[in-house]
N, C-alpha and C. Protein backbone atom coordinates (compact mmCIF):
# COMPACT_ATOMS: atom_id res chain seq x y z
N MET A 1 -11.64 -32.87 -57.58
CA MET A 1 -10.87 -31.84 -57.96
C MET A 1 -10.34 -32.15 -59.49
N PRO A 2 -10.42 -31.53 -60.43
CA PRO A 2 -9.76 -31.88 -61.79
C PRO A 2 -8.42 -32.10 -61.80
N LEU A 3 -8.08 -33.11 -62.57
CA LEU A 3 -6.67 -33.61 -62.59
C LEU A 3 -5.73 -32.43 -62.80
N ASP A 4 -6.21 -31.33 -63.58
CA ASP A 4 -5.16 -30.22 -63.91
C ASP A 4 -4.87 -29.27 -62.62
N GLU A 5 -5.62 -29.51 -61.60
CA GLU A 5 -5.66 -29.01 -60.32
C GLU A 5 -4.77 -29.59 -59.13
N LYS A 6 -4.34 -30.79 -59.40
CA LYS A 6 -3.68 -31.79 -58.61
C LYS A 6 -2.24 -31.39 -58.70
N ALA A 7 -1.45 -31.40 -57.80
CA ALA A 7 -0.14 -31.23 -57.63
C ALA A 7 0.70 -32.54 -58.08
N ARG A 8 1.72 -32.55 -58.79
CA ARG A 8 2.25 -33.95 -58.90
C ARG A 8 3.69 -33.93 -57.85
N TYR A 9 4.03 -35.04 -57.53
CA TYR A 9 5.17 -35.17 -56.56
C TYR A 9 5.80 -36.48 -56.90
N THR A 10 7.18 -36.55 -57.21
CA THR A 10 7.94 -37.83 -57.43
C THR A 10 8.62 -37.95 -56.29
N MET A 11 8.88 -39.28 -55.94
CA MET A 11 9.56 -39.72 -54.66
C MET A 11 10.35 -41.04 -55.08
N ARG A 12 11.32 -41.00 -54.41
CA ARG A 12 12.23 -42.47 -54.29
C ARG A 12 11.94 -43.09 -53.20
N ILE A 13 11.64 -44.48 -53.37
CA ILE A 13 11.26 -45.25 -52.21
C ILE A 13 12.02 -46.86 -52.52
N ASP A 14 12.18 -47.51 -51.31
CA ASP A 14 12.80 -48.82 -51.53
C ASP A 14 11.62 -49.50 -52.28
N ARG A 15 12.18 -50.42 -53.24
CA ARG A 15 11.36 -51.14 -54.03
C ARG A 15 10.29 -52.21 -53.23
N ASP A 16 10.99 -52.98 -52.27
CA ASP A 16 10.31 -53.75 -51.47
C ASP A 16 9.16 -53.13 -50.79
N LEU A 17 9.47 -52.03 -50.12
CA LEU A 17 8.47 -51.18 -49.47
C LEU A 17 7.35 -50.78 -50.29
N LEU A 18 7.65 -50.39 -51.29
CA LEU A 18 6.63 -49.96 -52.54
C LEU A 18 5.74 -51.11 -52.86
N GLU A 19 6.27 -52.27 -53.02
CA GLU A 19 5.28 -53.46 -53.28
C GLU A 19 4.52 -53.84 -52.11
N LYS A 20 5.02 -53.70 -50.87
CA LYS A 20 4.25 -54.17 -49.75
C LYS A 20 3.29 -52.90 -49.61
N PHE A 21 3.35 -51.74 -49.86
CA PHE A 21 2.60 -50.48 -49.88
C PHE A 21 1.26 -50.78 -50.90
N GLY A 22 1.78 -51.33 -52.05
CA GLY A 22 0.81 -51.63 -53.12
C GLY A 22 -0.01 -52.64 -52.55
N TYR A 23 0.42 -53.85 -51.96
CA TYR A 23 -0.44 -54.98 -51.56
C TYR A 23 -1.57 -54.23 -50.54
N ILE A 24 -1.12 -53.45 -49.67
CA ILE A 24 -2.02 -52.82 -48.70
C ILE A 24 -3.08 -51.94 -49.44
N ALA A 25 -2.86 -51.08 -50.31
CA ALA A 25 -3.55 -50.35 -51.26
C ALA A 25 -4.62 -51.30 -51.98
N GLU A 26 -4.15 -52.39 -52.50
CA GLU A 26 -5.10 -53.39 -53.18
C GLU A 26 -5.96 -53.96 -52.07
N TYR A 27 -5.56 -54.39 -50.98
CA TYR A 27 -6.45 -54.85 -49.97
C TYR A 27 -7.60 -53.84 -49.68
N GLU A 28 -7.23 -52.51 -49.55
CA GLU A 28 -8.12 -51.69 -49.20
C GLU A 28 -9.00 -51.16 -50.39
N GLY A 29 -8.82 -51.77 -51.54
CA GLY A 29 -9.51 -51.32 -52.68
C GLY A 29 -9.18 -50.08 -53.49
N ARG A 30 -8.02 -49.80 -53.15
CA ARG A 30 -7.35 -48.43 -53.58
C ARG A 30 -6.25 -48.45 -54.59
N THR A 31 -6.05 -47.47 -55.24
CA THR A 31 -4.67 -47.47 -56.01
C THR A 31 -3.74 -47.09 -55.02
N LYS A 32 -2.31 -47.20 -55.36
CA LYS A 32 -1.24 -46.80 -54.27
C LYS A 32 -1.51 -45.19 -54.24
N ASN A 33 -1.91 -44.60 -55.42
CA ASN A 33 -1.81 -43.21 -55.32
C ASN A 33 -2.85 -42.67 -54.34
N ARG A 34 -4.17 -43.26 -54.61
CA ARG A 34 -5.38 -43.00 -53.66
C ARG A 34 -4.95 -43.25 -52.13
N GLU A 35 -4.32 -44.49 -51.97
CA GLU A 35 -4.01 -44.85 -50.59
C GLU A 35 -3.01 -44.00 -49.95
N LEU A 36 -2.22 -43.41 -50.59
CA LEU A 36 -1.20 -42.54 -50.13
C LEU A 36 -1.90 -41.11 -49.88
N GLU A 37 -2.70 -40.73 -50.80
CA GLU A 37 -3.59 -39.48 -50.56
C GLU A 37 -4.29 -39.58 -49.14
N GLN A 38 -4.97 -40.69 -48.97
CA GLN A 38 -5.71 -41.06 -47.77
C GLN A 38 -4.93 -40.92 -46.43
N MET A 39 -3.69 -41.60 -46.59
CA MET A 39 -2.89 -41.48 -45.55
C MET A 39 -2.49 -40.07 -45.10
N ILE A 40 -2.04 -39.21 -46.21
CA ILE A 40 -1.83 -37.73 -45.98
C ILE A 40 -2.81 -36.95 -45.36
N LYS A 41 -4.01 -37.21 -45.83
CA LYS A 41 -5.07 -36.48 -45.44
C LYS A 41 -5.40 -36.75 -43.87
N ARG A 42 -5.24 -38.20 -43.57
CA ARG A 42 -5.46 -38.52 -41.94
C ARG A 42 -4.35 -37.87 -41.24
N ARG A 43 -3.14 -38.00 -41.77
CA ARG A 43 -1.93 -37.14 -40.96
C ARG A 43 -2.09 -35.68 -40.78
N VAL A 44 -2.42 -34.96 -41.99
CA VAL A 44 -2.82 -33.58 -41.92
C VAL A 44 -4.05 -33.28 -40.78
N ALA A 45 -5.06 -34.20 -40.92
CA ALA A 45 -6.20 -33.88 -40.00
C ALA A 45 -5.77 -34.07 -38.51
N ALA A 46 -4.81 -35.13 -38.28
CA ALA A 46 -4.38 -35.22 -36.68
C ALA A 46 -3.47 -34.07 -36.65
N PHE A 47 -2.65 -33.64 -37.49
CA PHE A 47 -1.82 -32.54 -36.91
C PHE A 47 -2.62 -31.28 -36.70
N GLU A 48 -3.41 -31.06 -37.65
CA GLU A 48 -4.42 -29.95 -37.39
C GLU A 48 -5.17 -29.84 -36.00
N LYS A 49 -5.55 -31.05 -35.70
CA LYS A 49 -6.24 -31.29 -34.65
C LYS A 49 -5.38 -30.78 -33.24
N GLU A 50 -4.40 -31.38 -33.42
CA GLU A 50 -3.41 -31.06 -32.18
C GLU A 50 -2.94 -29.65 -32.26
N PHE A 51 -2.55 -29.11 -33.36
CA PHE A 51 -1.76 -27.93 -33.45
C PHE A 51 -2.61 -26.59 -33.97
N GLY A 52 -3.72 -26.88 -34.46
CA GLY A 52 -4.64 -25.84 -35.20
C GLY A 52 -4.44 -25.97 -36.59
N GLU A 53 -5.42 -25.23 -37.34
CA GLU A 53 -5.32 -25.44 -38.94
C GLU A 53 -4.16 -24.76 -39.29
N ILE A 54 -3.68 -25.34 -40.35
CA ILE A 54 -2.32 -24.87 -41.10
C ILE A 54 -2.95 -23.83 -42.16
N GLU A 55 -2.43 -22.60 -42.06
CA GLU A 55 -2.90 -21.53 -42.89
C GLU A 55 -2.06 -21.47 -44.13
N LEU A 56 -2.56 -21.55 -45.30
CA LEU A 56 -1.86 -21.60 -46.68
C LEU A 56 -1.96 -20.31 -47.30
């Protein structure tokens, strides 16, 4: 998906938690952004598996 089609989202998070998350992302060979995107995709898939597809 082209960058101009991606939504932006700003969040506030505890600094230590963000640093630990960055460590995990690096360990997995991803950026923090890509790691978060993968986590969200897995969560949405699990939700839809249990409750059905989310209609947009």
